[in-house]
Amino acid sequence: MVTIVESLGAKKRSGATVNAYLLLRKGETVLLSLRKNTGYFDGCYGLISGHVEDEEPASIAMIREAKEEANLIIRPESLKVVHLMHRKTNRFNIDIFFECASWAGEFTNLEPDKCIELNFFSLESPPNNLIPYIGQALRAVLHEVVYSEEGWAL
């Protein structure tokens, strides 16, 4: 286990993966995606999301993923960062959670090979089969907590 003092002296760069997540809001509900055939939390609900590509701003990645996964047209000024998570798994992750309450187009599941359904659920009482760190992020957003960490044993 690394102590706080030892981690303060760390010199190695993290090489983190940056991920963008969409909290598409309709009133007090949020759009969730039921995953399948991905090898990662299949059978669990998550958010529209994806990796930020090299040379791509996170907001543009979020807009791209929303269009690719759900046929949503989102303008950059409609996105608001509501949570940031520094998460450790088998790699280091910086997860940026964007909220959006204004978009064009009807949401459509454009990835039926990876997603069983897209549906709105209460932000306060999402389904039990929610990806755990997504649940943590939704609770943080609900309580206006801007930053959290997951997977670190300090």
N, C-alpha and C. Protein backbone atom coordinates (compact mmCIF):
# COMPACT_ATOMS: atom_id res chain seq x y z
N MET A 1 0.84 -1.17 0.00
CA MET A 1 0.00 0.00 0.00
C MET A 1 0.89 1.24 0.00
N VAL A 2 0.53 2.22 -0.80
CA VAL A 2 1.28 3.47 -0.91
C VAL A 2 0.71 4.45 0.10
N THR A 3 1.58 5.06 0.87
CA THR A 3 1.11 6.08 1.81
C THR A 3 0.95 7.40 1.09
N ILE A 4 0.21 8.31 1.70
CA ILE A 4 0.00 9.63 1.10
C ILE A 4 1.33 10.33 0.90
N VAL A 5 2.22 10.24 1.88
CA VAL A 5 3.52 10.90 1.77
C VAL A 5 4.32 10.31 0.61
N GLU A 6 4.31 8.97 0.47
CA GLU A 6 5.02 8.33 -0.64
C GLU A 6 4.44 8.74 -1.98
N SER A 7 3.11 8.83 -2.06
CA SER A 7 2.50 9.19 -3.34
C SER A 7 2.79 10.64 -3.70
N LEU A 8 3.01 11.50 -2.72
CA LEU A 8 3.35 12.89 -3.02
C LEU A 8 4.70 13.00 -3.69
N GLY A 9 5.58 12.05 -3.44
CA GLY A 9 6.90 12.07 -4.04
C GLY A 9 6.97 11.34 -5.37
N ALA A 10 5.83 10.81 -5.84
CA ALA A 10 5.81 10.04 -7.08
C ALA A 10 6.24 10.88 -8.27
N LYS A 11 7.08 10.31 -9.11
CA LYS A 11 7.60 11.03 -10.28
C LYS A 11 7.06 10.49 -11.60
N LYS A 12 6.55 9.25 -11.62
CA LYS A 12 6.09 8.63 -12.86
C LYS A 12 4.77 9.26 -13.31
N ARG A 13 4.66 9.56 -14.58
CA ARG A 13 3.43 10.11 -15.15
C ARG A 13 2.39 8.99 -15.26
N SER A 14 1.13 9.35 -15.12
CA SER A 14 0.08 8.33 -15.06
C SER A 14 -0.29 7.73 -16.41
N GLY A 15 -0.23 8.48 -17.49
CA GLY A 15 -0.68 7.97 -18.78
C GLY A 15 -2.16 7.60 -18.75
N ALA A 16 -2.96 8.44 -18.13
CA ALA A 16 -4.38 8.15 -17.93
C ALA A 16 -5.17 8.13 -19.24
N THR A 17 -6.20 7.29 -19.26
CA THR A 17 -7.19 7.27 -20.33
C THR A 17 -8.27 8.27 -19.94
N VAL A 18 -8.65 9.12 -20.88
CA VAL A 18 -9.71 10.10 -20.61
C VAL A 18 -10.99 9.59 -21.25
N ASN A 19 -12.05 9.58 -20.44
CA ASN A 19 -13.35 9.07 -20.88
C ASN A 19 -14.40 10.16 -20.69
N ALA A 20 -15.35 10.24 -21.61
CA ALA A 20 -16.44 11.21 -21.53
C ALA A 20 -17.76 10.47 -21.34
N TYR A 21 -18.59 10.96 -20.42
CA TYR A 21 -19.88 10.34 -20.08
C TYR A 21 -20.97 11.39 -20.19
N LEU A 22 -22.13 10.99 -20.69
CA LEU A 22 -23.24 11.92 -20.90
C LEU A 22 -24.38 11.65 -19.93
N LEU A 23 -24.71 12.66 -19.14
CA LEU A 23 -25.92 12.62 -18.33
C LEU A 23 -26.96 13.43 -19.10
N LEU A 24 -27.68 12.74 -19.97
CA LEU A 24 -28.73 13.39 -20.74
C LEU A 24 -29.94 13.48 -19.84
N ARG A 25 -30.31 14.69 -19.49
CA ARG A 25 -31.36 14.91 -18.49
C ARG A 25 -32.68 15.30 -19.13
N LYS A 26 -33.73 14.71 -18.62
CA LYS A 26 -35.10 15.12 -18.93
C LYS A 26 -35.79 15.25 -17.58
N GLY A 27 -35.86 16.50 -17.10
CA GLY A 27 -36.38 16.71 -15.75
C GLY A 27 -35.46 16.07 -14.73
N GLU A 28 -36.02 15.22 -13.90
CA GLU A 28 -35.24 14.54 -12.86
C GLU A 28 -34.81 13.15 -13.29
N THR A 29 -34.84 12.90 -14.60
CA THR A 29 -34.43 11.59 -15.11
C THR A 29 -33.16 11.73 -15.94
N VAL A 30 -32.51 10.59 -16.14
CA VAL A 30 -31.27 10.53 -16.91
C VAL A 30 -31.34 9.33 -17.86
N LEU A 31 -30.80 9.49 -19.06
CA LEU A 31 -30.81 8.42 -20.05
C LEU A 31 -29.72 7.40 -19.72
N LEU A 32 -30.12 6.13 -19.61
CA LEU A 32 -29.18 5.05 -19.34
C LEU A 32 -29.23 4.03 -20.47
N SER A 33 -28.13 3.34 -20.64
CA SER A 33 -27.94 2.35 -21.70
C SER A 33 -27.69 0.99 -21.06
N LEU A 34 -28.47 -0.02 -21.45
CA LEU A 34 -28.28 -1.38 -20.93
C LEU A 34 -27.30 -2.12 -21.83
N ARG A 35 -26.13 -2.44 -21.28
CA ARG A 35 -25.01 -2.99 -22.05
C ARG A 35 -25.16 -4.49 -22.36
N LYS A 36 -24.62 -4.88 -23.52
CA LYS A 36 -24.54 -6.31 -23.87
C LYS A 36 -23.37 -6.51 -24.84
N ASN A 37 -22.80 -7.70 -24.83
CA ASN A 37 -21.76 -8.11 -25.79
C ASN A 37 -20.55 -7.19 -25.84
N THR A 38 -20.22 -6.53 -24.73
CA THR A 38 -19.06 -5.64 -24.73
C THR A 38 -17.89 -6.24 -23.95
N GLY A 39 -18.20 -7.22 -23.08
CA GLY A 39 -17.17 -7.78 -22.22
C GLY A 39 -16.88 -6.91 -21.01
N TYR A 40 -17.65 -5.85 -20.83
CA TYR A 40 -17.44 -4.92 -19.72
C TYR A 40 -18.80 -4.56 -19.12
N PHE A 41 -19.09 -5.12 -17.96
CA PHE A 41 -20.35 -4.87 -17.25
C PHE A 41 -21.57 -5.13 -18.13
N ASP A 42 -21.53 -6.20 -18.91
CA ASP A 42 -22.70 -6.58 -19.69
C ASP A 42 -23.86 -6.89 -18.74
N GLY A 43 -25.07 -6.49 -19.12
CA GLY A 43 -26.25 -6.67 -18.28
C GLY A 43 -26.43 -5.56 -17.27
N CYS A 44 -25.57 -4.57 -17.30
CA CYS A 44 -25.66 -3.43 -16.39
C CYS A 44 -25.95 -2.15 -17.18
N TYR A 45 -26.57 -1.22 -16.49
CA TYR A 45 -26.84 0.08 -17.10
C TYR A 45 -25.63 1.00 -16.93
N GLY A 46 -25.40 1.77 -17.96
CA GLY A 46 -24.35 2.78 -17.95
C GLY A 46 -24.86 4.03 -18.65
N LEU A 47 -23.95 4.91 -18.95
CA LEU A 47 -24.27 6.15 -19.64
C LEU A 47 -23.73 6.08 -21.06
N ILE A 48 -24.27 6.90 -21.94
CA ILE A 48 -23.63 7.08 -23.24
C ILE A 48 -22.23 7.60 -22.94
N SER A 49 -21.23 6.96 -23.54
CA SER A 49 -19.86 7.31 -23.16
C SER A 49 -18.87 6.82 -24.20
N GLY A 50 -17.63 7.24 -24.01
CA GLY A 50 -16.57 6.77 -24.88
C GLY A 50 -15.24 7.38 -24.53
N HIS A 51 -14.20 6.83 -25.13
CA HIS A 51 -12.85 7.36 -24.93
C HIS A 51 -12.67 8.65 -25.71
N VAL A 52 -11.91 9.56 -25.12
CA VAL A 52 -11.51 10.76 -25.82
C VAL A 52 -10.32 10.38 -26.69
N GLU A 53 -10.41 10.62 -27.97
CA GLU A 53 -9.34 10.27 -28.91
C GLU A 53 -8.21 11.30 -28.84
N ASP A 54 -7.03 10.89 -29.29
CA ASP A 54 -5.90 11.82 -29.37
C ASP A 54 -6.31 13.02 -30.22
N GLU A 55 -5.85 14.19 -29.81
CA GLU A 55 -6.11 15.43 -30.56
C GLU A 55 -7.59 15.81 -30.61
N GLU A 56 -8.38 15.31 -29.65
CA GLU A 56 -9.81 15.60 -29.62
C GLU A 56 -10.18 16.17 -28.25
N PRO A 57 -10.80 17.34 -28.19
CA PRO A 57 -11.26 17.85 -26.90
C PRO A 57 -12.36 16.94 -26.33
N ALA A 58 -12.45 16.87 -25.02
CA ALA A 58 -13.43 16.00 -24.37
C ALA A 58 -14.86 16.35 -24.76
N SER A 59 -15.17 17.63 -24.89
CA SER A 59 -16.54 18.02 -25.26
C SER A 59 -16.90 17.51 -26.66
N ILE A 60 -15.96 17.57 -27.57
CA ILE A 60 -16.20 17.07 -28.93
C ILE A 60 -16.34 15.55 -28.92
N ALA A 61 -15.56 14.87 -28.09
CA ALA A 61 -15.70 13.42 -27.95
C ALA A 61 -17.11 13.07 -27.46
N MET A 62 -17.61 13.86 -26.50
CA MET A 62 -18.95 13.60 -25.96
C MET A 62 -20.01 13.81 -27.03
N ILE A 63 -19.87 14.86 -27.81
CA ILE A 63 -20.81 15.14 -28.89
C ILE A 63 -20.77 14.01 -29.93
N ARG A 64 -19.57 13.56 -30.26
CA ARG A 64 -19.39 12.46 -31.23
C ARG A 64 -20.04 11.18 -30.72
N GLU A 65 -19.76 10.82 -29.47
CA GLU A 65 -20.32 9.58 -28.91
C GLU A 65 -21.85 9.64 -28.85
N ALA A 66 -22.41 10.79 -28.49
CA ALA A 66 -23.87 10.93 -28.43
C ALA A 66 -24.50 10.70 -29.81
N LYS A 67 -23.84 11.20 -30.83
CA LYS A 67 -24.33 11.01 -32.21
C LYS A 67 -24.17 9.55 -32.64
N GLU A 68 -22.99 8.96 -32.37
CA GLU A 68 -22.71 7.58 -32.79
C GLU A 68 -23.59 6.56 -32.07
N GLU A 69 -23.83 6.77 -30.78
CA GLU A 69 -24.55 5.77 -29.98
C GLU A 69 -26.06 5.97 -29.97
N ALA A 70 -26.51 7.24 -30.04
CA ALA A 70 -27.94 7.48 -29.82
C ALA A 70 -28.57 8.47 -30.80
N ASN A 71 -27.85 8.85 -31.85
CA ASN A 71 -28.38 9.77 -32.86
C ASN A 71 -28.76 11.13 -32.29
N LEU A 72 -28.08 11.56 -31.25
CA LEU A 72 -28.37 12.85 -30.62
C LEU A 72 -27.46 13.93 -31.20
N ILE A 73 -28.01 15.08 -31.42
CA ILE A 73 -27.24 16.23 -31.88
C ILE A 73 -27.14 17.20 -30.71
N ILE A 74 -25.92 17.39 -30.24
CA ILE A 74 -25.67 18.23 -29.07
C ILE A 74 -24.71 19.34 -29.46
N ARG A 75 -25.02 20.53 -29.03
CA ARG A 75 -24.14 21.68 -29.28
C ARG A 75 -23.18 21.81 -28.09
N PRO A 76 -21.95 22.21 -28.34
CA PRO A 76 -20.96 22.32 -27.25
C PRO A 76 -21.44 23.17 -26.07
N GLU A 77 -22.16 24.25 -26.35
CA GLU A 77 -22.62 25.12 -25.27
C GLU A 77 -23.73 24.49 -24.43
N SER A 78 -24.28 23.36 -24.88
CA SER A 78 -25.30 22.64 -24.11
C SER A 78 -24.69 21.69 -23.08
N LEU A 79 -23.38 21.48 -23.16
CA LEU A 79 -22.70 20.57 -22.23
C LEU A 79 -22.16 21.33 -21.03
N LYS A 80 -22.35 20.72 -19.87
CA LYS A 80 -21.83 21.30 -18.63
C LYS A 80 -21.13 20.18 -17.85
N VAL A 81 -19.89 20.40 -17.46
CA VAL A 81 -19.18 19.40 -16.65
C VAL A 81 -19.79 19.43 -15.25
N VAL A 82 -20.28 18.27 -14.80
CA VAL A 82 -20.91 18.19 -13.48
C VAL A 82 -20.15 17.29 -12.51
N HIS A 83 -19.22 16.49 -13.05
CA HIS A 83 -18.44 15.64 -12.15
C HIS A 83 -17.16 15.19 -12.86
N LEU A 84 -16.13 15.02 -12.06
CA LEU A 84 -14.85 14.52 -12.54
C LEU A 84 -14.42 13.40 -11.59
N MET A 85 -14.08 12.24 -12.15
CA MET A 85 -13.67 11.10 -11.34
C MET A 85 -12.28 10.65 -11.77
N HIS A 86 -11.41 10.45 -10.78
CA HIS A 86 -10.09 9.87 -11.03
C HIS A 86 -10.19 8.43 -10.56
N ARG A 87 -10.17 7.51 -11.50
CA ARG A 87 -10.49 6.11 -11.22
C ARG A 87 -9.33 5.21 -11.61
N LYS A 88 -9.04 4.26 -10.72
CA LYS A 88 -7.98 3.29 -10.99
C LYS A 88 -8.61 1.92 -11.17
N THR A 89 -8.32 1.32 -12.31
CA THR A 89 -8.70 -0.07 -12.58
C THR A 89 -7.40 -0.78 -12.95
N ASN A 90 -7.39 -1.47 -14.07
CA ASN A 90 -6.13 -2.02 -14.57
C ASN A 90 -5.34 -0.93 -15.30
N ARG A 91 -5.91 0.27 -15.34
CA ARG A 91 -5.27 1.46 -15.90
C ARG A 91 -5.76 2.66 -15.10
N PHE A 92 -5.23 3.81 -15.41
CA PHE A 92 -5.67 5.04 -14.75
C PHE A 92 -6.67 5.75 -15.66
N ASN A 93 -7.77 6.22 -15.09
CA ASN A 93 -8.85 6.84 -15.86
C ASN A 93 -9.17 8.22 -15.31
N ILE A 94 -9.38 9.15 -16.20
CA ILE A 94 -9.97 10.44 -15.87
C ILE A 94 -11.33 10.43 -16.54
N ASP A 95 -12.39 10.42 -15.74
CA ASP A 95 -13.75 10.34 -16.24
C ASP A 95 -14.41 11.70 -16.11
N ILE A 96 -14.85 12.25 -17.24
CA ILE A 96 -15.50 13.55 -17.26
C ILE A 96 -16.99 13.33 -17.53
N PHE A 97 -17.82 13.77 -16.60
CA PHE A 97 -19.26 13.59 -16.71
C PHE A 97 -19.90 14.91 -17.12
N PHE A 98 -20.50 14.89 -18.30
CA PHE A 98 -21.15 16.07 -18.86
C PHE A 98 -22.66 15.94 -18.70
N GLU A 99 -23.29 17.01 -18.29
CA GLU A 99 -24.74 17.06 -18.23
C GLU A 99 -25.25 17.82 -19.45
N CYS A 100 -26.36 17.38 -19.97
CA CYS A 100 -26.98 18.04 -21.11
C CYS A 100 -28.50 17.94 -20.96
N ALA A 101 -29.18 19.07 -21.05
CA ALA A 101 -30.64 19.08 -20.96
C ALA A 101 -31.28 19.58 -22.24
N SER A 102 -30.46 19.89 -23.24
CA SER A 102 -30.97 20.44 -24.50
C SER A 102 -30.25 19.76 -25.67
N TRP A 103 -31.01 19.14 -26.54
CA TRP A 103 -30.44 18.43 -27.68
C TRP A 103 -31.45 18.41 -28.81
N ALA A 104 -31.00 18.00 -29.97
CA ALA A 104 -31.89 17.84 -31.13
C ALA A 104 -31.92 16.36 -31.49
N GLY A 105 -33.04 15.95 -32.07
CA GLY A 105 -33.18 14.57 -32.50
C GLY A 105 -33.81 13.70 -31.42
N GLU A 106 -34.43 12.63 -31.87
CA GLU A 106 -34.99 11.63 -30.97
C GLU A 106 -33.92 10.58 -30.70
N PHE A 107 -33.73 10.24 -29.43
CA PHE A 107 -32.70 9.24 -29.17
C PHE A 107 -33.11 7.90 -29.76
N THR A 108 -32.14 7.26 -30.38
CA THR A 108 -32.31 5.97 -31.04
C THR A 108 -31.10 5.12 -30.72
N ASN A 109 -31.32 3.86 -30.43
CA ASN A 109 -30.22 2.95 -30.16
C ASN A 109 -29.53 2.59 -31.47
N LEU A 110 -28.39 3.23 -31.73
CA LEU A 110 -27.65 2.97 -32.96
C LEU A 110 -26.60 1.87 -32.80
N GLU A 111 -26.50 1.30 -31.60
CA GLU A 111 -25.56 0.20 -31.37
C GLU A 111 -26.28 -1.00 -30.76
N PRO A 112 -27.26 -1.57 -31.48
CA PRO A 112 -28.02 -2.68 -30.91
C PRO A 112 -27.17 -3.92 -30.63
N ASP A 113 -25.97 -3.99 -31.22
CA ASP A 113 -25.07 -5.11 -30.93
C ASP A 113 -24.40 -4.94 -29.57
N LYS A 114 -24.40 -3.72 -29.02
CA LYS A 114 -23.76 -3.44 -27.73
C LYS A 114 -24.74 -2.95 -26.66
N CYS A 115 -25.95 -2.63 -27.07
CA CYS A 115 -26.91 -2.00 -26.16
C CYS A 115 -28.29 -2.63 -26.35
N ILE A 116 -28.87 -3.13 -25.27
CA ILE A 116 -30.20 -3.72 -25.33
C ILE A 116 -31.26 -2.62 -25.44
N GLU A 117 -31.09 -1.56 -24.64
CA GLU A 117 -32.06 -0.47 -24.66
C GLU A 117 -31.45 0.82 -24.15
N LEU A 118 -32.07 1.92 -24.56
CA LEU A 118 -31.82 3.24 -24.00
C LEU A 118 -33.12 3.67 -23.37
N ASN A 119 -33.06 4.12 -22.10
CA ASN A 119 -34.28 4.52 -21.42
C ASN A 119 -33.97 5.53 -20.33
N PHE A 120 -34.94 6.38 -20.04
CA PHE A 120 -34.79 7.35 -18.97
C PHE A 120 -35.19 6.72 -17.64
N PHE A 121 -34.38 7.00 -16.61
CA PHE A 121 -34.64 6.53 -15.25
C PHE A 121 -34.46 7.68 -14.28
N SER A 122 -35.10 7.57 -13.14
CA SER A 122 -34.96 8.57 -12.09
C SER A 122 -33.50 8.67 -11.66
N LEU A 123 -33.00 9.89 -11.57
CA LEU A 123 -31.63 10.10 -11.10
C LEU A 123 -31.50 9.68 -9.64
N GLU A 124 -32.57 9.85 -8.87
CA GLU A 124 -32.54 9.51 -7.44
C GLU A 124 -32.66 8.01 -7.19
N SER A 125 -33.32 7.29 -8.08
CA SER A 125 -33.47 5.84 -7.87
C SER A 125 -33.26 5.09 -9.19
N PRO A 126 -31.99 5.04 -9.64
CA PRO A 126 -31.68 4.32 -10.88
C PRO A 126 -31.84 2.82 -10.67
N PRO A 127 -31.79 2.03 -11.72
CA PRO A 127 -31.91 0.58 -11.58
C PRO A 127 -30.78 0.00 -10.72
N ASN A 128 -31.06 -1.13 -10.09
CA ASN A 128 -30.06 -1.78 -9.23
C ASN A 128 -28.86 -2.29 -10.02
N ASN A 129 -29.06 -2.68 -11.26
CA ASN A 129 -27.97 -3.22 -12.07
C ASN A 129 -27.25 -2.09 -12.83
N LEU A 130 -26.82 -1.11 -12.07
CA LEU A 130 -26.07 0.03 -12.59
C LEU A 130 -24.58 -0.26 -12.41
N ILE A 131 -23.76 0.09 -13.39
CA ILE A 131 -22.31 -0.05 -13.22
C ILE A 131 -21.92 0.69 -11.94
N PRO A 132 -21.19 0.06 -11.01
CA PRO A 132 -20.94 0.67 -9.70
C PRO A 132 -20.35 2.08 -9.74
N TYR A 133 -19.32 2.33 -10.53
CA TYR A 133 -18.74 3.66 -10.51
C TYR A 133 -19.66 4.69 -11.18
N ILE A 134 -20.54 4.24 -12.07
CA ILE A 134 -21.55 5.14 -12.64
C ILE A 134 -22.54 5.54 -11.55
N GLY A 135 -22.92 4.57 -10.73
CA GLY A 135 -23.79 4.87 -9.59
C GLY A 135 -23.15 5.88 -8.66
N GLN A 136 -21.86 5.71 -8.40
CA GLN A 136 -21.13 6.66 -7.55
C GLN A 136 -21.17 8.05 -8.17
N ALA A 137 -20.95 8.13 -9.47
CA ALA A 137 -20.96 9.43 -10.15
C ALA A 137 -22.36 10.06 -10.12
N LEU A 138 -23.40 9.27 -10.33
CA LEU A 138 -24.76 9.81 -10.30
C LEU A 138 -25.10 10.35 -8.91
N ARG A 139 -24.70 9.63 -7.86
CA ARG A 139 -24.93 10.12 -6.49
C ARG A 139 -24.16 11.41 -6.26
N ALA A 140 -22.94 11.48 -6.76
CA ALA A 140 -22.14 12.69 -6.62
C ALA A 140 -22.82 13.87 -7.31
N VAL A 141 -23.32 13.65 -8.51
CA VAL A 141 -24.01 14.72 -9.24
C VAL A 141 -25.25 15.15 -8.48
N LEU A 142 -26.00 14.19 -7.97
CA LEU A 142 -27.21 14.49 -7.21
C LEU A 142 -26.91 15.36 -6.00
N HIS A 143 -25.76 15.14 -5.37
CA HIS A 143 -25.36 15.90 -4.18
C HIS A 143 -24.39 17.03 -4.50
N GLU A 144 -24.23 17.33 -5.78
CA GLU A 144 -23.38 18.43 -6.25
C GLU A 144 -21.93 18.30 -5.81
N VAL A 145 -21.45 17.06 -5.76
CA VAL A 145 -20.04 16.78 -5.47
C VAL A 145 -19.32 16.76 -6.81
N VAL A 146 -18.36 17.64 -6.99
CA VAL A 146 -17.73 17.83 -8.29
C VAL A 146 -16.63 16.82 -8.58
N TYR A 147 -15.96 16.29 -7.55
CA TYR A 147 -14.80 15.42 -7.76
C TYR A 147 -14.88 14.21 -6.85
N SER A 148 -14.49 13.04 -7.40
CA SER A 148 -14.39 11.83 -6.57
C SER A 148 -13.26 10.95 -7.09
N GLU A 149 -12.90 9.98 -6.28
CA GLU A 149 -11.86 9.01 -6.63
C GLU A 149 -12.41 7.61 -6.39
N GLU A 150 -11.97 6.67 -7.20
CA GLU A 150 -12.45 5.30 -7.11
C GLU A 150 -11.29 4.35 -7.40
N GLY A 151 -11.17 3.29 -6.58
CA GLY A 151 -10.21 2.23 -6.85
C GLY A 151 -8.82 2.46 -6.28
N TRP A 152 -8.65 3.50 -5.51
CA TRP A 152 -7.34 3.81 -4.93
C TRP A 152 -7.28 3.29 -3.50
N ALA A 153 -6.20 2.63 -3.15
CA ALA A 153 -6.00 2.13 -1.78
C ALA A 153 -4.91 2.97 -1.12
N LEU A 154 -5.30 4.13 -0.65
CA LEU A 154 -4.33 5.02 0.01
C LEU A 154 -4.45 4.91 1.51
